[in-house]
Amino acid sequence: AAGLLDQLIVDSAGTHLHHVGEAPDPRAQTYALKRGIDLSM
């Protein structure tokens, strides 16, 4: 929205390996999507 994507590299990770390869929790996805943010990929 601020036009700054070309100035950033953004990622996320966990300190534990319990969920490696999994999509975000369905509840996190649902609540984020209510605010227009898609976490599904």
PDB file of all heavy atoms in Angstrom:
ATOM      1  N   ALA A   1       0.827  -1.207   0.000  1.00  0.00           N
ATOM      2  CA  ALA A   1       0.000   0.000   0.000  1.00  0.00           C
ATOM      3  C   ALA A   1       0.862   1.259   0.000  1.00  0.00           C
ATOM      4  O   ALA A   1       0.483   2.277  -0.577  1.00  0.00           O
ATOM      5  CB  ALA A   1      -0.939  -0.008   1.202  1.00  0.00           C
ATOM      6  N   ALA A   2       2.036   1.178   0.624  1.00  0.00           N
ATOM      7  CA  ALA A   2       2.945   2.326   0.688  1.00  0.00           C
ATOM      8  C   ALA A   2       3.865   2.397  -0.532  1.00  0.00           C
ATOM      9  O   ALA A   2       4.674   3.323  -0.645  1.00  0.00           O
ATOM     10  CB  ALA A   2       3.784   2.252   1.964  1.00  0.00           C
ATOM     11  N   GLY A   3       3.766   1.420  -1.434  1.00  0.00           N
ATOM     12  CA  GLY A   3       4.618   1.411  -2.619  1.00  0.00           C
ATOM     13  C   GLY A   3       6.062   1.066  -2.334  1.00  0.00           C
ATOM     14  O   GLY A   3       6.970   1.508  -3.041  1.00  0.00           O
ATOM     15  N   LEU A   4       6.306   0.249  -1.317  1.00  0.00           N
ATOM     16  CA  LEU A   4       7.676  -0.043  -0.892  1.00  0.00           C
ATOM     17  C   LEU A   4       8.109  -1.498  -1.081  1.00  0.00           C
ATOM     18  O   LEU A   4       9.182  -1.879  -0.606  1.00  0.00           O
ATOM     19  CB  LEU A   4       7.849   0.335   0.581  1.00  0.00           C
ATOM     20  CG  LEU A   4       7.640   1.802   0.917  1.00  0.00           C
ATOM     21  CD1 LEU A   4       7.680   2.021   2.418  1.00  0.00           C
ATOM     22  CD2 LEU A   4       8.671   2.661   0.217  1.00  0.00           C
ATOM     23  N   LEU A   5       7.303  -2.299  -1.753  1.00  0.00           N
ATOM     24  CA  LEU A   5       7.651  -3.713  -1.899  1.00  0.00           C
ATOM     25  C   LEU A   5       9.009  -3.943  -2.536  1.00  0.00           C
ATOM     26  O   LEU A   5       9.721  -4.886  -2.183  1.00  0.00           O
ATOM     27  CB  LEU A   5       6.579  -4.447  -2.709  1.00  0.00           C
ATOM     28  CG  LEU A   5       5.342  -4.901  -1.947  1.00  0.00           C
ATOM     29  CD1 LEU A   5       4.409  -5.664  -2.870  1.00  0.00           C
ATOM     30  CD2 LEU A   5       5.688  -5.721  -0.728  1.00  0.00           C
ATOM     31  N   ASP A   6       9.392  -3.064  -3.461  1.00  0.00           N
ATOM     32  CA  ASP A   6      10.671  -3.246  -4.143  1.00  0.00           C
ATOM     33  C   ASP A   6      11.872  -2.957  -3.248  1.00  0.00           C
ATOM     34  O   ASP A   6      13.013  -3.225  -3.609  1.00  0.00           O
ATOM     35  CB  ASP A   6      10.734  -2.378  -5.400  1.00  0.00           C
ATOM     36  CG  ASP A   6      10.628  -0.888  -5.112  1.00  0.00           C
ATOM     37  OD1 ASP A   6      10.026  -0.522  -4.087  1.00  0.00           O
ATOM     38  OD2 ASP A   6      11.143  -0.097  -5.919  1.00  0.00           O
ATOM     39  N   GLN A   7      11.618  -2.427  -2.057  1.00  0.00           N
ATOM     40  CA  GLN A   7      12.696  -2.108  -1.118  1.00  0.00           C
ATOM     41  C   GLN A   7      12.784  -3.118   0.032  1.00  0.00           C
ATOM     42  O   GLN A   7      13.530  -2.901   0.981  1.00  0.00           O
ATOM     43  CB  GLN A   7      12.487  -0.711  -0.545  1.00  0.00           C
ATOM     44  CG  GLN A   7      12.533   0.379  -1.598  1.00  0.00           C
ATOM     45  CD  GLN A   7      12.196   1.733  -1.014  1.00  0.00           C
ATOM     46  OE1 GLN A   7      12.550   2.040   0.116  1.00  0.00           O
ATOM     47  NE2 GLN A   7      11.508   2.548  -1.800  1.00  0.00           N
ATOM     48  N   LEU A   8      12.014  -4.203  -0.067  1.00  0.00           N
ATOM     49  CA  LEU A   8      11.934  -5.135   1.046  1.00  0.00           C
ATOM     50  C   LEU A   8      12.046  -6.584   0.612  1.00  0.00           C
ATOM     51  O   LEU A   8      11.574  -6.968  -0.454  1.00  0.00           O
ATOM     52  CB  LEU A   8      10.598  -4.963   1.774  1.00  0.00           C
ATOM     53  CG  LEU A   8      10.350  -3.613   2.425  1.00  0.00           C
ATOM     54  CD1 LEU A   8       8.880  -3.466   2.786  1.00  0.00           C
ATOM     55  CD2 LEU A   8      11.232  -3.457   3.657  1.00  0.00           C
ATOM     56  N   ILE A   9      12.658  -7.373   1.468  1.00  0.00           N
ATOM     57  CA  ILE A   9      12.601  -8.830   1.400  1.00  0.00           C
ATOM     58  C   ILE A   9      11.999  -9.243   2.736  1.00  0.00           C
ATOM     59  O   ILE A   9      12.520  -8.873   3.797  1.00  0.00           O
ATOM     60  CB  ILE A   9      14.002  -9.447   1.220  1.00  0.00           C
ATOM     61  CG1 ILE A   9      14.585  -9.034  -0.125  1.00  0.00           C
ATOM     62  CG2 ILE A   9      13.939 -10.966   1.351  1.00  0.00           C
ATOM     63  CD1 ILE A   9      16.050  -9.374  -0.280  1.00  0.00           C
ATOM     64  N   VAL A  10      10.897  -9.965   2.698  1.00  0.00           N
ATOM     65  CA  VAL A  10      10.171 -10.301   3.921  1.00  0.00           C
ATOM     66  C   VAL A  10       9.886 -11.795   3.950  1.00  0.00           C
ATOM     67  O   VAL A  10       9.487 -12.383   2.947  1.00  0.00           O
ATOM     68  CB  VAL A  10       8.839  -9.504   4.003  1.00  0.00           C
ATOM     69  CG1 VAL A  10       8.084  -9.830   5.288  1.00  0.00           C
ATOM     70  CG2 VAL A  10       9.104  -8.008   3.904  1.00  0.00           C
ATOM     71  N   ASP A  11      10.088 -12.402   5.113  1.00  0.00           N
ATOM     72  CA  ASP A  11       9.832 -13.830   5.285  1.00  0.00           C
ATOM     73  C   ASP A  11       9.443 -14.064   6.739  1.00  0.00           C
ATOM     74  O   ASP A  11       9.511 -13.152   7.570  1.00  0.00           O
ATOM     75  CB  ASP A  11      11.090 -14.626   4.913  1.00  0.00           C
ATOM     76  CG  ASP A  11      10.810 -16.100   4.624  1.00  0.00           C
ATOM     77  OD1 ASP A  11       9.644 -16.539   4.688  1.00  0.00           O
ATOM     78  OD2 ASP A  11      11.784 -16.824   4.329  1.00  0.00           O
ATOM     79  N   SER A  12       9.049 -15.298   7.026  1.00  0.00           N
ATOM     80  CA  SER A  12       8.765 -15.682   8.401  1.00  0.00           C
ATOM     81  C   SER A  12       9.266 -17.102   8.623  1.00  0.00           C
ATOM     82  O   SER A  12       9.433 -17.869   7.673  1.00  0.00           O
ATOM     83  CB  SER A  12       7.258 -15.581   8.697  1.00  0.00           C
ATOM     84  OG  SER A  12       6.513 -16.451   7.873  1.00  0.00           O
ATOM     85  N   ALA A  13       9.513 -17.424   9.888  1.00  0.00           N
ATOM     86  CA  ALA A  13      10.027 -18.749  10.242  1.00  0.00           C
ATOM     87  C   ALA A  13       9.688 -19.037  11.701  1.00  0.00           C
ATOM     88  O   ALA A  13       9.280 -18.146  12.450  1.00  0.00           O
ATOM     89  CB  ALA A  13      11.539 -18.799  10.028  1.00  0.00           C
ATOM     90  N   GLY A  14       9.888 -20.283  12.077  1.00  0.00           N
ATOM     91  CA  GLY A  14       9.646 -20.697  13.458  1.00  0.00           C
ATOM     92  C   GLY A  14      10.921 -21.190  14.107  1.00  0.00           C
ATOM     93  O   GLY A  14      11.847 -21.640  13.431  1.00  0.00           O
ATOM     94  N   THR A  15      10.951 -21.120  15.421  1.00  0.00           N
ATOM     95  CA  THR A  15      12.103 -21.642  16.147  1.00  0.00           C
ATOM     96  C   THR A  15      12.017 -23.162  16.304  1.00  0.00           C
ATOM     97  O   THR A  15      13.020 -23.808  16.580  1.00  0.00           O
ATOM     98  CB  THR A  15      12.209 -21.001  17.547  1.00  0.00           C
ATOM     99  OG1 THR A  15      10.971 -21.192  18.248  1.00  0.00           O
ATOM    100  CG2 THR A  15      12.530 -19.516  17.442  1.00  0.00           C
ATOM    101  N   HIS A  16      10.825 -23.721  16.135  1.00  0.00           N
ATOM    102  CA  HIS A  16      10.615 -25.166  16.251  1.00  0.00           C
ATOM    103  C   HIS A  16      10.255 -25.738  14.878  1.00  0.00           C
ATOM    104  O   HIS A  16       9.786 -25.018  14.005  1.00  0.00           O
ATOM    105  CB  HIS A  16       9.497 -25.463  17.245  1.00  0.00           C
ATOM    106  CG  HIS A  16       9.843 -25.111  18.654  1.00  0.00           C
ATOM    107  ND1 HIS A  16      10.009 -23.810  19.074  1.00  0.00           N
ATOM    108  CD2 HIS A  16      10.058 -25.881  19.739  1.00  0.00           C
ATOM    109  CE1 HIS A  16      10.317 -23.803  20.371  1.00  0.00           C
ATOM    110  NE2 HIS A  16      10.355 -25.042  20.788  1.00  0.00           N
ATOM    111  N   LEU A  17      10.421 -27.035  14.719  1.00  0.00           N
ATOM    112  CA  LEU A  17      10.153 -27.645  13.424  1.00  0.00           C
ATOM    113  C   LEU A  17       8.831 -28.409  13.362  1.00  0.00           C
ATOM    114  O   LEU A  17       8.537 -29.075  12.375  1.00  0.00           O
ATOM    115  CB  LEU A  17      11.320 -28.536  12.994  1.00  0.00           C
ATOM    116  CG  LEU A  17      11.778 -29.646  13.939  1.00  0.00           C
ATOM    117  CD1 LEU A  17      10.892 -30.865  13.896  1.00  0.00           C
ATOM    118  CD2 LEU A  17      13.188 -30.030  13.599  1.00  0.00           C
ATOM    119  N   HIS A  18       7.981 -28.267  14.369  1.00  0.00           N
ATOM    120  CA  HIS A  18       6.731 -29.035  14.452  1.00  0.00           C
ATOM    121  C   HIS A  18       5.840 -28.920  13.213  1.00  0.00           C
ATOM    122  O   HIS A  18       5.151 -29.854  12.866  1.00  0.00           O
ATOM    123  CB  HIS A  18       5.901 -28.609  15.660  1.00  0.00           C
ATOM    124  CG  HIS A  18       6.641 -28.595  16.952  1.00  0.00           C
ATOM    125  ND1 HIS A  18       7.382 -29.664  17.406  1.00  0.00           N
ATOM    126  CD2 HIS A  18       6.751 -27.642  17.895  1.00  0.00           C
ATOM    127  CE1 HIS A  18       7.916 -29.360  18.575  1.00  0.00           C
ATOM    128  NE2 HIS A  18       7.554 -28.140  18.893  1.00  0.00           N
ATOM    129  N   HIS A  19       5.813 -27.770  12.573  1.00  0.00           N
ATOM    130  CA  HIS A  19       4.842 -27.523  11.505  1.00  0.00           C
ATOM    131  C   HIS A  19       5.485 -27.253  10.136  1.00  0.00           C
ATOM    132  O   HIS A  19       4.814 -26.742   9.243  1.00  0.00           O
ATOM    133  CB  HIS A  19       3.950 -26.342  11.885  1.00  0.00           C
ATOM    134  CG  HIS A  19       3.174 -26.561  13.131  1.00  0.00           C
ATOM    135  ND1 HIS A  19       2.077 -27.390  13.186  1.00  0.00           N
ATOM    136  CD2 HIS A  19       3.343 -26.073  14.393  1.00  0.00           C
ATOM    137  CE1 HIS A  19       1.586 -27.403  14.423  1.00  0.00           C
ATOM    138  NE2 HIS A  19       2.345 -26.613  15.167  1.00  0.00           N
ATOM    139  N   VAL A  20       6.758 -27.579   9.970  1.00  0.00           N
ATOM    140  CA  VAL A  20       7.456 -27.300   8.717  1.00  0.00           C
ATOM    141  C   VAL A  20       6.659 -27.843   7.532  1.00  0.00           C
ATOM    142  O   VAL A  20       6.194 -28.984   7.550  1.00  0.00           O
ATOM    143  CB  VAL A  20       8.884 -27.886   8.743  1.00  0.00           C
ATOM    144  CG1 VAL A  20       9.532 -27.845   7.365  1.00  0.00           C
ATOM    145  CG2 VAL A  20       9.744 -27.135   9.748  1.00  0.00           C
ATOM    146  N   GLY A  21       6.471 -26.981   6.533  1.00  0.00           N
ATOM    147  CA  GLY A  21       5.749 -27.356   5.324  1.00  0.00           C
ATOM    148  C   GLY A  21       4.245 -27.124   5.377  1.00  0.00           C
ATOM    149  O   GLY A  21       3.566 -27.212   4.355  1.00  0.00           O
ATOM    150  N   GLU A  22       3.724 -26.829   6.551  1.00  0.00           N
ATOM    151  CA  GLU A  22       2.280 -26.617   6.700  1.00  0.00           C
ATOM    152  C   GLU A  22       1.892 -25.180   6.366  1.00  0.00           C
ATOM    153  O   GLU A  22       2.686 -24.249   6.526  1.00  0.00           O
ATOM    154  CB  GLU A  22       1.846 -26.907   8.143  1.00  0.00           C
ATOM    155  CG  GLU A  22       1.970 -28.357   8.546  1.00  0.00           C
ATOM    156  CD  GLU A  22       1.531 -28.597   9.985  1.00  0.00           C
ATOM    157  OE1 GLU A  22       0.757 -27.780  10.544  1.00  0.00           O
ATOM    158  OE2 GLU A  22       1.970 -29.606  10.563  1.00  0.00           O
ATOM    159  N   ALA A  23       0.649 -25.026   5.931  1.00  0.00           N
ATOM    160  CA  ALA A  23       0.070 -23.696   5.729  1.00  0.00           C
ATOM    161  C   ALA A  23      -0.224 -23.087   7.094  1.00  0.00           C
ATOM    162  O   ALA A  23      -0.305 -23.797   8.107  1.00  0.00           O
ATOM    163  CB  ALA A  23      -1.214 -23.814   4.920  1.00  0.00           C
ATOM    164  N   PRO A  24      -0.405 -21.771   7.158  1.00  0.00           N
ATOM    165  CA  PRO A  24      -0.778 -21.158   8.432  1.00  0.00           C
ATOM    166  C   PRO A  24      -2.067 -21.767   8.999  1.00  0.00           C
ATOM    167  O   PRO A  24      -2.919 -22.263   8.250  1.00  0.00           O
ATOM    168  CB  PRO A  24      -0.979 -19.685   8.066  1.00  0.00           C
ATOM    169  CG  PRO A  24      -0.074 -19.476   6.894  1.00  0.00           C
ATOM    170  CD  PRO A  24      -0.176 -20.769   6.120  1.00  0.00           C
ATOM    171  N   ASP A  25      -2.192 -21.707  10.301  1.00  0.00           N
ATOM    172  CA  ASP A  25      -3.367 -22.203  11.006  1.00  0.00           C
ATOM    173  C   ASP A  25      -4.634 -21.658  10.330  1.00  0.00           C
ATOM    174  O   ASP A  25      -4.687 -20.467   9.997  1.00  0.00           O
ATOM    175  CB  ASP A  25      -3.295 -21.718  12.465  1.00  0.00           C
ATOM    176  CG  ASP A  25      -4.413 -22.258  13.324  1.00  0.00           C
ATOM    177  OD1 ASP A  25      -5.568 -21.815  13.140  1.00  0.00           O
ATOM    178  OD2 ASP A  25      -4.143 -23.098  14.192  1.00  0.00           O
ATOM    179  N   PRO A  26      -5.636 -22.494  10.112  1.00  0.00           N
ATOM    180  CA  PRO A  26      -6.861 -22.022   9.456  1.00  0.00           C
ATOM    181  C   PRO A  26      -7.504 -20.823  10.150  1.00  0.00           C
ATOM    182  O   PRO A  26      -8.066 -19.941   9.484  1.00  0.00           O
ATOM    183  CB  PRO A  26      -7.794 -23.240   9.504  1.00  0.00           C
ATOM    184  CG  PRO A  26      -6.874 -24.419   9.592  1.00  0.00           C
ATOM    185  CD  PRO A  26      -5.680 -23.939  10.383  1.00  0.00           C
ATOM    186  N   ARG A  27      -7.402 -20.763  11.468  1.00  0.00           N
ATOM    187  CA  ARG A  27      -7.968 -19.612  12.190  1.00  0.00           C
ATOM    188  C   ARG A  27      -7.187 -18.339  11.877  1.00  0.00           C
ATOM    189  O   ARG A  27      -7.780 -17.269  11.687  1.00  0.00           O
ATOM    190  CB  ARG A  27      -7.980 -19.885  13.699  1.00  0.00           C
ATOM    191  CG  ARG A  27      -8.860 -21.074  14.075  1.00  0.00           C
ATOM    192  CD  ARG A  27      -8.601 -21.530  15.490  1.00  0.00           C
ATOM    193  NE  ARG A  27      -7.217 -22.028  15.601  1.00  0.00           N
ATOM    194  CZ  ARG A  27      -6.652 -22.396  16.745  1.00  0.00           C
ATOM    195  NH1 ARG A  27      -7.327 -22.316  17.882  1.00  0.00           N
ATOM    196  NH2 ARG A  27      -5.411 -22.842  16.767  1.00  0.00           N
ATOM    197  N   ALA A  28      -5.864 -18.438  11.800  1.00  0.00           N
ATOM    198  CA  ALA A  28      -5.053 -17.273  11.442  1.00  0.00           C
ATOM    199  C   ALA A  28      -5.427 -16.813  10.039  1.00  0.00           C
ATOM    200  O   ALA A  28      -5.565 -15.607   9.790  1.00  0.00           O
ATOM    201  CB  ALA A  28      -3.559 -17.613  11.523  1.00  0.00           C
ATOM    202  N   GLN A  29      -5.599 -17.757   9.134  1.00  0.00           N
ATOM    203  CA  GLN A  29      -5.975 -17.403   7.767  1.00  0.00           C
ATOM    204  C   GLN A  29      -7.345 -16.737   7.717  1.00  0.00           C
ATOM    205  O   GLN A  29      -7.533 -15.731   7.022  1.00  0.00           O
ATOM    206  CB  GLN A  29      -5.982 -18.650   6.875  1.00  0.00           C
ATOM    207  CG  GLN A  29      -4.600 -19.206   6.610  1.00  0.00           C
ATOM    208  CD  GLN A  29      -4.633 -20.273   5.553  1.00  0.00           C
ATOM    209  OE1 GLN A  29      -5.064 -20.005   4.432  1.00  0.00           O
ATOM    210  NE2 GLN A  29      -4.180 -21.475   5.897  1.00  0.00           N
ATOM    211  N   THR A  30      -8.297 -17.293   8.443  1.00  0.00           N
ATOM    212  CA  THR A  30      -9.664 -16.759   8.438  1.00  0.00           C
ATOM    213  C   THR A  30      -9.706 -15.328   8.960  1.00  0.00           C
ATOM    214  O   THR A  30     -10.299 -14.447   8.336  1.00  0.00           O
ATOM    215  CB  THR A  30     -10.598 -17.656   9.286  1.00  0.00           C
ATOM    216  OG1 THR A  30     -10.654 -18.946   8.682  1.00  0.00           O
ATOM    217  CG2 THR A  30     -11.994 -17.071   9.381  1.00  0.00           C
ATOM    218  N   TYR A  31      -9.071 -15.094  10.102  1.00  0.00           N
ATOM    219  CA  TYR A  31      -9.106 -13.750  10.691  1.00  0.00           C
ATOM    220  C   TYR A  31      -8.305 -12.746   9.868  1.00  0.00           C
ATOM    221  O   TYR A  31      -8.687 -11.586   9.753  1.00  0.00           O
ATOM    222  CB  TYR A  31      -8.672 -13.788  12.151  1.00  0.00           C
ATOM    223  CG  TYR A  31      -9.804 -14.283  13.021  1.00  0.00           C
ATOM    224  CD1 TYR A  31      -9.979 -15.639  13.263  1.00  0.00           C
ATOM    225  CD2 TYR A  31     -10.734 -13.399  13.547  1.00  0.00           C
ATOM    226  CE1 TYR A  31     -11.039 -16.105  14.015  1.00  0.00           C
ATOM    227  CE2 TYR A  31     -11.804 -13.852  14.310  1.00  0.00           C
ATOM    228  CZ  TYR A  31     -11.943 -15.208  14.540  1.00  0.00           C
ATOM    229  OH  TYR A  31     -13.012 -15.658  15.281  1.00  0.00           O
ATOM    230  N   ALA A  32      -7.209 -13.183   9.283  1.00  0.00           N
ATOM    231  CA  ALA A  32      -6.434 -12.286   8.417  1.00  0.00           C
ATOM    232  C   ALA A  32      -7.236 -11.942   7.168  1.00  0.00           C
ATOM    233  O   ALA A  32      -7.266 -10.777   6.744  1.00  0.00           O
ATOM    234  CB  ALA A  32      -5.103 -12.936   8.036  1.00  0.00           C
ATOM    235  N   LEU A  33      -7.915 -12.925   6.596  1.00  0.00           N
ATOM    236  CA  LEU A  33      -8.696 -12.698   5.380  1.00  0.00           C
ATOM    237  C   LEU A  33      -9.840 -11.712   5.628  1.00  0.00           C
ATOM    238  O   LEU A  33     -10.188 -10.926   4.746  1.00  0.00           O
ATOM    239  CB  LEU A  33      -9.226 -14.025   4.838  1.00  0.00           C
ATOM    240  CG  LEU A  33      -9.536 -14.094   3.362  1.00  0.00           C
ATOM    241  CD1 LEU A  33      -8.381 -13.590   2.502  1.00  0.00           C
ATOM    242  CD2 LEU A  33      -9.913 -15.512   2.962  1.00  0.00           C
ATOM    243  N   LYS A  34     -10.385 -11.724   6.848  1.00  0.00           N
ATOM    244  CA  LYS A  34     -11.422 -10.742   7.206  1.00  0.00           C
ATOM    245  C   LYS A  34     -10.889  -9.317   7.105  1.00  0.00           C
ATOM    246  O   LYS A  34     -11.655  -8.373   6.951  1.00  0.00           O
ATOM    247  CB  LYS A  34     -11.945 -10.992   8.623  1.00  0.00           C
ATOM    248  CG  LYS A  34     -12.816 -12.217   8.752  1.00  0.00           C
ATOM    249  CD  LYS A  34     -13.272 -12.393  10.193  1.00  0.00           C
ATOM    250  CE  LYS A  34     -14.093 -13.666  10.354  1.00  0.00           C
ATOM    251  NZ  LYS A  34     -14.544 -13.863  11.739  1.00  0.00           N
ATOM    252  N   ARG A  35      -9.575  -9.173   7.200  1.00  0.00           N
ATOM    253  CA  ARG A  35      -8.937  -7.857   7.093  1.00  0.00           C
ATOM    254  C   ARG A  35      -8.264  -7.673   5.728  1.00  0.00           C
ATOM    255  O   ARG A  35      -7.456  -6.764   5.545  1.00  0.00           O
ATOM    256  CB  ARG A  35      -7.925  -7.666   8.218  1.00  0.00           C
ATOM    257  CG  ARG A  35      -8.595  -7.703   9.588  1.00  0.00           C
ATOM    258  CD  ARG A  35      -7.647  -7.348  10.686  1.00  0.00           C
ATOM    259  NE  ARG A  35      -8.222  -7.625  11.991  1.00  0.00           N
ATOM    260  CZ  ARG A  35      -7.807  -7.081  13.117  1.00  0.00           C
ATOM    261  NH1 ARG A  35      -6.803  -6.213  13.110  1.00  0.00           N
ATOM    262  NH2 ARG A  35      -8.378  -7.396  14.257  1.00  0.00           N
ATOM    263  N   GLY A  36      -8.578  -8.576   4.807  1.00  0.00           N
ATOM    264  CA  GLY A  36      -8.072  -8.440   3.449  1.00  0.00           C
ATOM    265  C   GLY A  36      -6.673  -8.973   3.227  1.00  0.00           C
ATOM    266  O   GLY A  36      -6.018  -8.627   2.239  1.00  0.00           O
ATOM    267  N   ILE A  37      -6.192  -9.827   4.124  1.00  0.00           N
ATOM    268  CA  ILE A  37      -4.825 -10.350   4.021  1.00  0.00           C
ATOM    269  C   ILE A  37      -4.877 -11.856   3.808  1.00  0.00           C
ATOM    270  O   ILE A  37      -5.410 -12.592   4.632  1.00  0.00           O
ATOM    271  CB  ILE A  37      -4.013  -9.990   5.280  1.00  0.00           C
ATOM    272  CG1 ILE A  37      -3.944  -8.479   5.357  1.00  0.00           C
ATOM    273  CG2 ILE A  37      -2.637 -10.633   5.247  1.00  0.00           C
ATOM    274  CD1 ILE A  37      -3.473  -7.913   6.611  1.00  0.00           C
ATOM    275  N   ASP A  38      -4.320 -12.303   2.695  1.00  0.00           N
ATOM    276  CA  ASP A  38      -4.327 -13.714   2.322  1.00  0.00           C
ATOM    277  C   ASP A  38      -3.008 -14.360   2.730  1.00  0.00           C
ATOM    278  O   ASP A  38      -1.945 -13.987   2.235  1.00  0.00           O
ATOM    279  CB  ASP A  38      -4.538 -13.837   0.810  1.00  0.00           C
ATOM    280  CG  ASP A  38      -4.641 -15.269   0.334  1.00  0.00           C
ATOM    281  OD1 ASP A  38      -4.610 -16.208   1.167  1.00  0.00           O
ATOM    282  OD2 ASP A  38      -4.756 -15.460  -0.892  1.00  0.00           O
ATOM    283  N   LEU A  39      -3.090 -15.334   3.621  1.00  0.00           N
ATOM    284  CA  LEU A  39      -1.899 -16.051   4.099  1.00  0.00           C
ATOM    285  C   LEU A  39      -1.776 -17.439   3.476  1.00  0.00           C
ATOM    286  O   LEU A  39      -0.844 -18.176   3.792  1.00  0.00           O
ATOM    287  CB  LEU A  39      -1.958 -16.219   5.627  1.00  0.00           C
ATOM    288  CG  LEU A  39      -2.195 -14.982   6.489  1.00  0.00           C
ATOM    289  CD1 LEU A  39      -2.262 -15.379   7.962  1.00  0.00           C
ATOM    290  CD2 LEU A  39      -1.117 -13.950   6.252  1.00  0.00           C
ATOM    291  N   SER A  40      -2.692 -17.799   2.598  1.00  0.00           N
ATOM    292  CA  SER A  40      -2.830 -19.179   2.142  1.00  0.00           C
ATOM    293  C   SER A  40      -1.615 -19.733   1.391  1.00  0.00           C
ATOM    294  O   SER A  40      -1.419 -20.950   1.368  1.00  0.00           O
ATOM    295  CB  SER A  40      -4.075 -19.332   1.272  1.00  0.00           C
ATOM    296  OG  SER A  40      -3.951 -18.576   0.071  1.00  0.00           O
ATOM    297  N   MET A  41      -0.812 -18.894   0.791  1.00  0.00           N
ATOM    298  CA  MET A  41       0.330 -19.396   0.014  1.00  0.00           C
ATOM    299  C   MET A  41       1.589 -19.614   0.865  1.00  0.00           C
ATOM    300  O   MET A  41       2.557 -20.198   0.393  1.00  0.00           O
ATOM    301  CB  MET A  41       0.652 -18.431  -1.134  1.00  0.00           C
ATOM    302  CG  MET A  41      -0.498 -18.262  -2.127  1.00  0.00           C
ATOM    303  SD  MET A  41      -1.142 -19.821  -2.777  1.00  0.00           S
ATOM    304  CE  MET A  41       0.246 -20.362  -3.731  1.00  0.00           C
TER     305      MET A  41
END
